[in-house]
Amino acid sequence: MINFKQVLGTAAIATTVFFTVDSHQAKGIELDFNSLPSAQGWTYVSNNSILSETDAFSVDGNMLTMDTIGNGFSGQGTNRYTLNGVVDPAKSFVLTMTARLRQEEISVNPNVFGFFSQISINNSTLGFGLGLEGAAGNAIHSLDGNGTVLATNIDVTQFHTYRIEGQFGVGAQFFVDGIFISNISENNQLVNNGLEFGDPTGSANGLAEITSYSFKQDVPEPLTILGTSTALGFGALFKRKTAKKDK
């Protein structure tokens, strides 16, 4: 006769194990605004720029501020953060960021923007940029390499929550404040696997503020985990019962 108390007990143990693993996965990568990203495992990158990390970025406990205004223009210059080797190309992902671009200055190139965020694997990137002074004016740009403008009717000087969700090689969608804006295309190029955000180019400088940032991949639903763990519990008990009968 099957002891269902024993079954439920076994399932509870399995559920505890699975939820412990899921809790760790669900945390993903999140920015804390009590310290600069470099203290959280990110790398500050400054190419062709005299700005140190603390010149370009600051935190106040509630937000991360990027200020490269007045930095001059240097073509391929950049002031950004990178977190390498954290993207699994075989899994779906969700990148969420709440930010605004308060000010921008550009050089002669009308197709640049003062702030960006992107996800990369070794041969492809997905991302968006916020601009104010370029040819498209107040706009959200795709990083597809084709100059695609995703939206011009959203005021990027105000805080909005930007979200990219999808999977490399399958497809990705772009949302603003929970509203679908457009599918976005990959930019096929040789890059490092990882996450990046900040001032992408020396042709534009910006003053931006970020109040949230998270990146998560392929997190199972709690009910799926519960069903799986319960099934494991039943399976383990039936295996023991069968083993006893065979003796």
C-alpha atoms as a PDB file:
ATOM      1  CA  MET A   1       0.000   0.000   0.000  1.00  0.00           C
ATOM      2  CA  ILE A   2       1.323   3.442  -0.920  1.00  0.00           C
ATOM      3  CA  ASN A   3       2.022   5.802   1.947  1.00  0.00           C
ATOM      4  CA  PHE A   4       0.884   9.152   0.543  1.00  0.00           C
ATOM      5  CA  LYS A   5       2.378  11.037   3.480  1.00  0.00           C
ATOM      6  CA  GLN A   6       5.724   9.631   2.413  1.00  0.00           C
ATOM      7  CA  VAL A   7       5.021  10.619  -1.207  1.00  0.00           C
ATOM      8  CA  LEU A   8       4.184  14.182  -0.253  1.00  0.00           C
ATOM      9  CA  GLY A   9       7.195  14.352   2.007  1.00  0.00           C
ATOM     10  CA  THR A  10       9.485  13.216  -0.795  1.00  0.00           C
ATOM     11  CA  ALA A  11       7.856  15.697  -3.187  1.00  0.00           C
ATOM     12  CA  ALA A  12       8.259  18.486  -0.650  1.00  0.00           C
ATOM     13  CA  ILE A  13      11.979  17.781  -0.400  1.00  0.00           C
ATOM     14  CA  ALA A  14      12.319  17.813  -4.189  1.00  0.00           C
ATOM     15  CA  THR A  15      10.251  21.010  -4.385  1.00  0.00           C
ATOM     16  CA  THR A  16      12.508  22.673  -1.829  1.00  0.00           C
ATOM     17  CA  VAL A  17      15.574  21.759  -3.858  1.00  0.00           C
ATOM     18  CA  PHE A  18      14.043  22.951  -7.125  1.00  0.00           C
ATOM     19  CA  PHE A  19      12.809  26.248  -5.676  1.00  0.00           C
ATOM     20  CA  THR A  20      16.238  26.878  -4.188  1.00  0.00           C
ATOM     21  CA  VAL A  21      17.805  26.497  -7.627  1.00  0.00           C
ATOM     22  CA  ASP A  22      15.040  28.558  -9.267  1.00  0.00           C
ATOM     23  CA  SER A  23      15.388  31.354  -6.728  1.00  0.00           C
ATOM     24  CA  HIS A  24      19.051  31.674  -7.657  1.00  0.00           C
ATOM     25  CA  GLN A  25      18.278  31.629 -11.398  1.00  0.00           C
ATOM     26  CA  ALA A  26      15.371  34.056 -11.099  1.00  0.00           C
ATOM     27  CA  LYS A  27      17.592  36.638  -9.419  1.00  0.00           C
ATOM     28  CA  GLY A  28      19.494  36.982 -12.693  1.00  0.00           C
ATOM     29  CA  ILE A  29      21.721  40.031 -13.081  1.00  0.00           C
ATOM     30  CA  GLU A  30      20.508  43.216 -11.432  1.00  0.00           C
ATOM     31  CA  LEU A  31      22.188  46.542 -10.831  1.00  0.00           C
ATOM     32  CA  ASP A  32      22.415  47.883  -7.309  1.00  0.00           C
ATOM     33  CA  PHE A  33      22.521  51.678  -7.024  1.00  0.00           C
ATOM     34  CA  ASN A  34      24.515  51.865  -3.816  1.00  0.00           C
ATOM     35  CA  SER A  35      27.790  51.239  -5.655  1.00  0.00           C
ATOM     36  CA  LEU A  36      29.186  51.696  -9.141  1.00  0.00           C
ATOM     37  CA  PRO A  37      28.810  48.735 -11.514  1.00  0.00           C
ATOM     38  CA  SER A  38      32.574  48.086 -11.350  1.00  0.00           C
ATOM     39  CA  ALA A  39      32.067  47.043  -7.731  1.00  0.00           C
ATOM     40  CA  GLN A  40      29.427  44.559  -8.937  1.00  0.00           C
ATOM     41  CA  GLY A  41      31.555  42.689 -11.475  1.00  0.00           C
ATOM     42  CA  TRP A  42      31.156  45.012 -14.477  1.00  0.00           C
ATOM     43  CA  THR A  43      34.129  46.554 -16.319  1.00  0.00           C
ATOM     44  CA  TYR A  44      34.311  50.264 -17.100  1.00  0.00           C
ATOM     45  CA  VAL A  45      35.529  50.847 -20.672  1.00  0.00           C
ATOM     46  CA  SER A  46      36.889  54.212 -21.752  1.00  0.00           C
ATOM     47  CA  ASN A  47      38.267  54.418 -25.298  1.00  0.00           C
ATOM     48  CA  ASN A  48      39.708  57.680 -26.627  1.00  0.00           C
ATOM     49  CA  SER A  49      38.281  59.500 -23.618  1.00  0.00           C
ATOM     50  CA  ILE A  50      39.982  61.202 -20.705  1.00  0.00           C
ATOM     51  CA  LEU A  51      37.046  60.520 -18.395  1.00  0.00           C
ATOM     52  CA  SER A  52      37.643  58.127 -15.510  1.00  0.00           C
ATOM     53  CA  GLU A  53      34.778  55.988 -14.255  1.00  0.00           C
ATOM     54  CA  THR A  54      33.940  58.434 -11.483  1.00  0.00           C
ATOM     55  CA  ASP A  55      34.073  61.328 -13.977  1.00  0.00           C
ATOM     56  CA  ALA A  56      31.517  59.666 -16.238  1.00  0.00           C
ATOM     57  CA  PHE A  57      29.319  57.765 -13.754  1.00  0.00           C
ATOM     58  CA  SER A  58      27.954  58.247 -10.244  1.00  0.00           C
ATOM     59  CA  VAL A  59      25.382  56.627  -7.924  1.00  0.00           C
ATOM     60  CA  ASP A  60      23.207  58.038  -5.153  1.00  0.00           C
ATOM     61  CA  GLY A  61      21.451  54.953  -3.809  1.00  0.00           C
ATOM     62  CA  ASN A  62      18.487  55.343  -6.162  1.00  0.00           C
ATOM     63  CA  MET A  63      19.988  55.722  -9.623  1.00  0.00           C
ATOM     64  CA  LEU A  64      23.100  55.520 -11.758  1.00  0.00           C
ATOM     65  CA  THR A  65      23.910  58.739 -13.605  1.00  0.00           C
ATOM     66  CA  MET A  66      26.029  58.891 -16.761  1.00  0.00           C
ATOM     67  CA  ASP A  67      27.372  62.327 -17.697  1.00  0.00           C
ATOM     68  CA  THR A  68      29.730  62.671 -20.655  1.00  0.00           C
ATOM     69  CA  ILE A  69      28.504  66.122 -21.703  1.00  0.00           C
ATOM     70  CA  GLY A  70      31.438  68.413 -22.546  1.00  0.00           C
ATOM     71  CA  ASN A  71      33.772  65.460 -23.045  1.00  0.00           C
ATOM     72  CA  GLY A  72      34.566  66.493 -26.620  1.00  0.00           C
ATOM     73  CA  PHE A  73      34.230  64.309 -29.707  1.00  0.00           C
ATOM     74  CA  SER A  74      36.650  61.565 -30.698  1.00  0.00           C
ATOM     75  CA  GLY A  75      34.985  59.380 -33.330  1.00  0.00           C
ATOM     76  CA  GLN A  76      35.351  55.890 -31.874  1.00  0.00           C
ATOM     77  CA  GLY A  77      35.468  57.035 -28.252  1.00  0.00           C
ATOM     78  CA  THR A  78      33.221  55.434 -25.650  1.00  0.00           C
ATOM     79  CA  ASN A  79      32.385  55.439 -21.940  1.00  0.00           C
ATOM     80  CA  ARG A  80      30.444  52.311 -21.082  1.00  0.00           C
ATOM     81  CA  TYR A  81      30.114  49.258 -18.863  1.00  0.00           C
ATOM     82  CA  THR A  82      30.521  45.662 -20.000  1.00  0.00           C
ATOM     83  CA  LEU A  83      29.811  42.345 -18.285  1.00  0.00           C
ATOM     84  CA  ASN A  84      31.385  39.583 -20.350  1.00  0.00           C
ATOM     85  CA  GLY A  85      30.524  35.912 -20.733  1.00  0.00           C
ATOM     86  CA  VAL A  86      27.075  35.942 -19.132  1.00  0.00           C
ATOM     87  CA  VAL A  87      24.765  35.326 -22.113  1.00  0.00           C
ATOM     88  CA  ASP A  88      23.766  31.767 -23.034  1.00  0.00           C
ATOM     89  CA  PRO A  89      22.798  31.919 -26.752  1.00  0.00           C
ATOM     90  CA  ALA A  90      20.763  28.721 -26.437  1.00  0.00           C
ATOM     91  CA  LYS A  91      18.346  30.283 -23.925  1.00  0.00           C
ATOM     92  CA  SER A  92      15.663  32.940 -24.214  1.00  0.00           C
ATOM     93  CA  PHE A  93      16.264  36.195 -22.332  1.00  0.00           C
ATOM     94  CA  VAL A  94      14.586  39.296 -20.935  1.00  0.00           C
ATOM     95  CA  LEU A  95      16.539  42.562 -20.591  1.00  0.00           C
ATOM     96  CA  THR A  96      14.698  45.298 -18.688  1.00  0.00           C
ATOM     97  CA  MET A  97      15.965  48.824 -18.032  1.00  0.00           C
ATOM     98  CA  THR A  98      14.292  51.953 -16.689  1.00  0.00           C
ATOM     99  CA  ALA A  99      16.155  55.023 -17.924  1.00  0.00           C
ATOM    100  CA  ARG A 100      16.007  58.429 -19.509  1.00  0.00           C
ATOM    101  CA  LEU A 101      18.324  60.623 -21.622  1.00  0.00           C
ATOM    102  CA  ARG A 102      18.107  64.132 -20.210  1.00  0.00           C
ATOM    103  CA  GLN A 103      20.597  65.818 -22.531  1.00  0.00           C
ATOM    104  CA  GLU A 104      22.689  65.062 -25.601  1.00  0.00           C
ATOM    105  CA  GLU A 105      25.313  66.741 -27.744  1.00  0.00           C
ATOM    106  CA  ILE A 106      26.529  65.371 -31.073  1.00  0.00           C
ATOM    107  CA  SER A 107      29.222  66.162 -33.619  1.00  0.00           C
ATOM    108  CA  VAL A 108      28.620  66.192 -37.367  1.00  0.00           C
ATOM    109  CA  ASN A 109      27.292  62.603 -37.526  1.00  0.00           C
ATOM    110  CA  PRO A 110      23.463  62.784 -37.460  1.00  0.00           C
ATOM    111  CA  ASN A 111      22.975  59.024 -36.938  1.00  0.00           C
ATOM    112  CA  VAL A 112      24.496  58.645 -33.486  1.00  0.00           C
ATOM    113  CA  PHE A 113      22.908  58.691 -30.035  1.00  0.00           C
ATOM    114  CA  GLY A 114      24.084  59.453 -26.531  1.00  0.00           C
ATOM    115  CA  PHE A 115      23.010  56.305 -24.661  1.00  0.00           C
ATOM    116  CA  PHE A 116      22.647  52.617 -25.489  1.00  0.00           C
ATOM    117  CA  SER A 117      22.072  49.161 -24.037  1.00  0.00           C
ATOM    118  CA  GLN A 118      22.794  45.866 -25.759  1.00  0.00           C
ATOM    119  CA  ILE A 119      23.066  42.098 -25.401  1.00  0.00           C
ATOM    120  CA  SER A 120      25.730  40.225 -27.350  1.00  0.00           C
ATOM    121  CA  ILE A 121      26.872  36.751 -28.215  1.00  0.00           C
ATOM    122  CA  ASN A 122      30.128  36.166 -30.064  1.00  0.00           C
ATOM    123  CA  ASN A 123      28.768  36.926 -33.520  1.00  0.00           C
ATOM    124  CA  SER A 124      25.653  39.028 -32.988  1.00  0.00           C
ATOM    125  CA  THR A 125      24.102  41.840 -30.944  1.00  0.00           C
ATOM    126  CA  LEU A 126      20.623  43.078 -30.049  1.00  0.00           C
ATOM    127  CA  GLY A 127      19.969  46.445 -28.467  1.00  0.00           C
ATOM    128  CA  PHE A 128      18.600  49.969 -28.533  1.00  0.00           C
ATOM    129  CA  GLY A 129      19.850  53.540 -28.312  1.00  0.00           C
ATOM    130  CA  LEU A 130      18.272  56.776 -27.072  1.00  0.00           C
ATOM    131  CA  GLY A 131      18.872  59.991 -28.996  1.00  0.00           C
ATOM    132  CA  LEU A 132      17.808  63.632 -28.984  1.00  0.00           C
ATOM    133  CA  GLU A 133      19.900  65.697 -31.385  1.00  0.00           C
ATOM    134  CA  GLY A 134      20.368  63.391 -34.375  1.00  0.00           C
ATOM    135  CA  ALA A 135      18.526  63.376 -37.691  1.00  0.00           C
ATOM    136  CA  ALA A 136      15.551  61.564 -36.123  1.00  0.00           C
ATOM    137  CA  GLY A 137      15.349  63.975 -33.176  1.00  0.00           C
ATOM    138  CA  ASN A 138      13.855  62.565 -29.971  1.00  0.00           C
ATOM    139  CA  ALA A 139      14.011  58.902 -30.905  1.00  0.00           C
ATOM    140  CA  ILE A 140      14.657  55.290 -29.957  1.00  0.00           C
ATOM    141  CA  HIS A 141      17.066  53.551 -32.299  1.00  0.00           C
ATOM    142  CA  SER A 142      17.700  49.886 -33.075  1.00  0.00           C
ATOM    143  CA  LEU A 143      21.298  48.660 -32.971  1.00  0.00           C
ATOM    144  CA  ASP A 144      20.726  46.507 -36.067  1.00  0.00           C
ATOM    145  CA  GLY A 145      23.420  48.341 -38.045  1.00  0.00           C
ATOM    146  CA  ASN A 146      20.893  49.658 -40.561  1.00  0.00           C
ATOM    147  CA  GLY A 147      19.976  52.912 -38.855  1.00  0.00           C
ATOM    148  CA  THR A 148      16.479  51.663 -38.003  1.00  0.00           C
ATOM    149  CA  VAL A 149      14.426  54.037 -35.846  1.00  0.00           C
ATOM    150  CA  LEU A 150      12.050  52.162 -33.538  1.00  0.00           C
ATOM    151  CA  ALA A 151       9.990  55.131 -32.309  1.00  0.00           C
ATOM    152  CA  THR A 152       9.852  58.925 -32.459  1.00  0.00           C
ATOM    153  CA  ASN A 153       6.667  59.486 -30.435  1.00  0.00           C
ATOM    154  CA  ILE A 154       8.127  58.598 -27.018  1.00  0.00           C
ATOM    155  CA  ASP A 155       9.808  61.318 -24.976  1.00  0.00           C
ATOM    156  CA  VAL A 156      13.160  59.794 -24.065  1.00  0.00           C
ATOM    157  CA  THR A 157      13.895  62.660 -21.647  1.00  0.00           C
ATOM    158  CA  GLN A 158      11.312  61.075 -19.327  1.00  0.00           C
ATOM    159  CA  PHE A 159      11.730  57.785 -17.493  1.00  0.00           C
ATOM    160  CA  HIS A 160      10.462  54.749 -19.371  1.00  0.00           C
ATOM    161  CA  THR A 161      10.936  51.035 -18.883  1.00  0.00           C
ATOM    162  CA  TYR A 162      12.557  49.492 -21.945  1.00  0.00           C
ATOM    163  CA  ARG A 163      12.419  45.724 -22.451  1.00  0.00           C
ATOM    164  CA  ILE A 164      13.922  43.360 -25.004  1.00  0.00           C
ATOM    165  CA  GLU A 165      12.839  39.736 -24.912  1.00  0.00           C
ATOM    166  CA  GLY A 166      13.610  36.874 -27.252  1.00  0.00           C
ATOM    167  CA  GLN A 167      16.421  34.540 -28.245  1.00  0.00           C
ATOM    168  CA  PHE A 168      19.368  34.861 -30.611  1.00  0.00           C
ATOM    169  CA  GLY A 169      18.706  33.135 -33.907  1.00  0.00           C
ATOM    170  CA  VAL A 170      14.967  32.969 -33.176  1.00  0.00           C
ATOM    171  CA  GLY A 171      13.773  36.562 -32.853  1.00  0.00           C
ATOM    172  CA  ALA A 172      13.357  39.435 -30.408  1.00  0.00           C
ATOM    173  CA  GLN A 173      10.741  42.017 -29.515  1.00  0.00           C
ATOM    174  CA  PHE A 174      11.078  45.523 -28.091  1.00  0.00           C
ATOM    175  CA  PHE A 175       8.647  47.003 -25.534  1.00  0.00           C
ATOM    176  CA  VAL A 176       8.328  50.396 -23.842  1.00  0.00           C
ATOM    177  CA  ASP A 177       6.364  50.562 -20.582  1.00  0.00           C
ATOM    178  CA  GLY A 178       4.912  47.135 -21.343  1.00  0.00           C
ATOM    179  CA  ILE A 179       3.659  48.141 -24.802  1.00  0.00           C
ATOM    180  CA  PHE A 180       4.956  46.275 -27.850  1.00  0.00           C
ATOM    181  CA  ILE A 181       6.810  48.626 -30.188  1.00  0.00           C
ATOM    182  CA  SER A 182       8.524  46.483 -32.793  1.00  0.00           C
ATOM    183  CA  ASN A 183      10.422  43.339 -33.619  1.00  0.00           C
ATOM    184  CA  ILE A 184      14.140  44.060 -33.630  1.00  0.00           C
ATOM    185  CA  SER A 185      16.852  42.540 -35.781  1.00  0.00           C
ATOM    186  CA  GLU A 186      20.277  41.277 -34.854  1.00  0.00           C
ATOM    187  CA  ASN A 187      23.453  43.037 -35.943  1.00  0.00           C
ATOM    188  CA  ASN A 188      25.807  40.292 -37.115  1.00  0.00           C
ATOM    189  CA  GLN A 189      29.337  41.242 -36.117  1.00  0.00           C
ATOM    190  CA  LEU A 190      32.245  39.836 -34.127  1.00  0.00           C
ATOM    191  CA  VAL A 191      31.815  41.034 -30.554  1.00  0.00           C
ATOM    192  CA  ASN A 192      32.358  39.763 -27.029  1.00  0.00           C
ATOM    193  CA  ASN A 193      29.626  37.728 -25.374  1.00  0.00           C
ATOM    194  CA  GLY A 194      27.998  39.860 -22.694  1.00  0.00           C
ATOM    195  CA  LEU A 195      25.985  42.913 -21.681  1.00  0.00           C
ATOM    196  CA  GLU A 196      26.822  46.572 -22.301  1.00  0.00           C
ATOM    197  CA  PHE A 197      25.346  50.009 -21.625  1.00  0.00           C
ATOM    198  CA  GLY A 198      26.467  53.629 -21.489  1.00  0.00           C
ATOM    199  CA  ASP A 199      27.793  56.175 -23.992  1.00  0.00           C
ATOM    200  CA  PRO A 200      28.501  54.160 -27.159  1.00  0.00           C
ATOM    201  CA  THR A 201      30.456  56.593 -29.295  1.00  0.00           C
ATOM    202  CA  GLY A 202      32.742  59.606 -29.264  1.00  0.00           C
ATOM    203  CA  SER A 203      30.482  61.284 -31.826  1.00  0.00           C
ATOM    204  CA  ALA A 204      27.782  61.902 -29.217  1.00  0.00           C
ATOM    205  CA  ASN A 205      27.797  62.653 -25.499  1.00  0.00           C
ATOM    206  CA  GLY A 206      24.925  62.293 -23.092  1.00  0.00           C
ATOM    207  CA  LEU A 207      23.451  62.849 -19.662  1.00  0.00           C
ATOM    208  CA  ALA A 208      21.435  59.752 -18.763  1.00  0.00           C
ATOM    209  CA  GLU A 209      19.900  58.297 -15.613  1.00  0.00           C
ATOM    210  CA  ILE A 210      19.130  54.638 -14.883  1.00  0.00           C
ATOM    211  CA  THR A 211      16.870  53.526 -12.031  1.00  0.00           C
ATOM    212  CA  SER A 212      16.620  49.789 -12.789  1.00  0.00           C
ATOM    213  CA  TYR A 213      18.466  47.164 -14.816  1.00  0.00           C
ATOM    214  CA  SER A 214      17.949  43.412 -14.944  1.00  0.00           C
ATOM    215  CA  PHE A 215      18.844  40.540 -17.251  1.00  0.00           C
ATOM    216  CA  LYS A 216      17.291  37.081 -16.899  1.00  0.00           C
ATOM    217  CA  GLN A 217      17.383  33.926 -18.981  1.00  0.00           C
ATOM    218  CA  ASP A 218      15.043  30.986 -19.369  1.00  0.00           C
ATOM    219  CA  VAL A 219      13.545  30.911 -15.859  1.00  0.00           C
ATOM    220  CA  PRO A 220      11.035  28.039 -15.353  1.00  0.00           C
ATOM    221  CA  GLU A 221       7.542  28.903 -14.132  1.00  0.00           C
ATOM    222  CA  PRO A 222       6.909  27.987 -10.446  1.00  0.00           C
ATOM    223  CA  LEU A 223       3.979  25.679 -11.358  1.00  0.00           C
ATOM    224  CA  THR A 224       6.200  23.821 -13.825  1.00  0.00           C
ATOM    225  CA  ILE A 225       8.815  23.399 -11.126  1.00  0.00           C
ATOM    226  CA  LEU A 226       6.206  22.221  -8.615  1.00  0.00           C
ATOM    227  CA  GLY A 227       4.774  19.692 -11.077  1.00  0.00           C
ATOM    228  CA  THR A 228       8.229  18.401 -11.964  1.00  0.00           C
ATOM    229  CA  SER A 229       9.311  18.071  -8.352  1.00  0.00           C
ATOM    230  CA  THR A 230       6.077  16.327  -7.348  1.00  0.00           C
ATOM    231  CA  ALA A 231       6.512  13.889 -10.216  1.00  0.00           C
ATOM    232  CA  LEU A 232      10.048  13.234  -9.034  1.00  0.00           C
ATOM    233  CA  GLY A 233       8.717  12.544  -5.560  1.00  0.00           C
ATOM    234  CA  PHE A 234       6.201  10.016  -6.842  1.00  0.00           C
ATOM    235  CA  GLY A 235       8.816   8.472  -9.092  1.00  0.00           C
ATOM    236  CA  ALA A 236      11.306   8.040  -6.286  1.00  0.00           C
ATOM    237  CA  LEU A 237       8.723   6.367  -4.023  1.00  0.00           C
ATOM    238  CA  PHE A 238       7.426   4.006  -6.717  1.00  0.00           C
ATOM    239  CA  LYS A 239      11.000   3.026  -7.533  1.00  0.00           C
ATOM    240  CA  ARG A 240      11.609   2.079  -3.903  1.00  0.00           C
ATOM    241  CA  LYS A 241       8.304   0.155  -3.750  1.00  0.00           C
ATOM    242  CA  THR A 242       9.168  -1.788  -6.908  1.00  0.00           C
ATOM    243  CA  ALA A 243      12.661  -2.553  -5.616  1.00  0.00           C
ATOM    244  CA  LYS A 244      11.194  -4.005  -2.396  1.00  0.00           C
ATOM    245  CA  LYS A 245       8.781  -6.264  -4.338  1.00  0.00           C
ATOM    246  CA  ASP A 246      11.632  -7.633  -6.474  1.00  0.00           C
ATOM    247  CA  LYS A 247      13.602  -8.780  -3.430  1.00  0.00           C
END
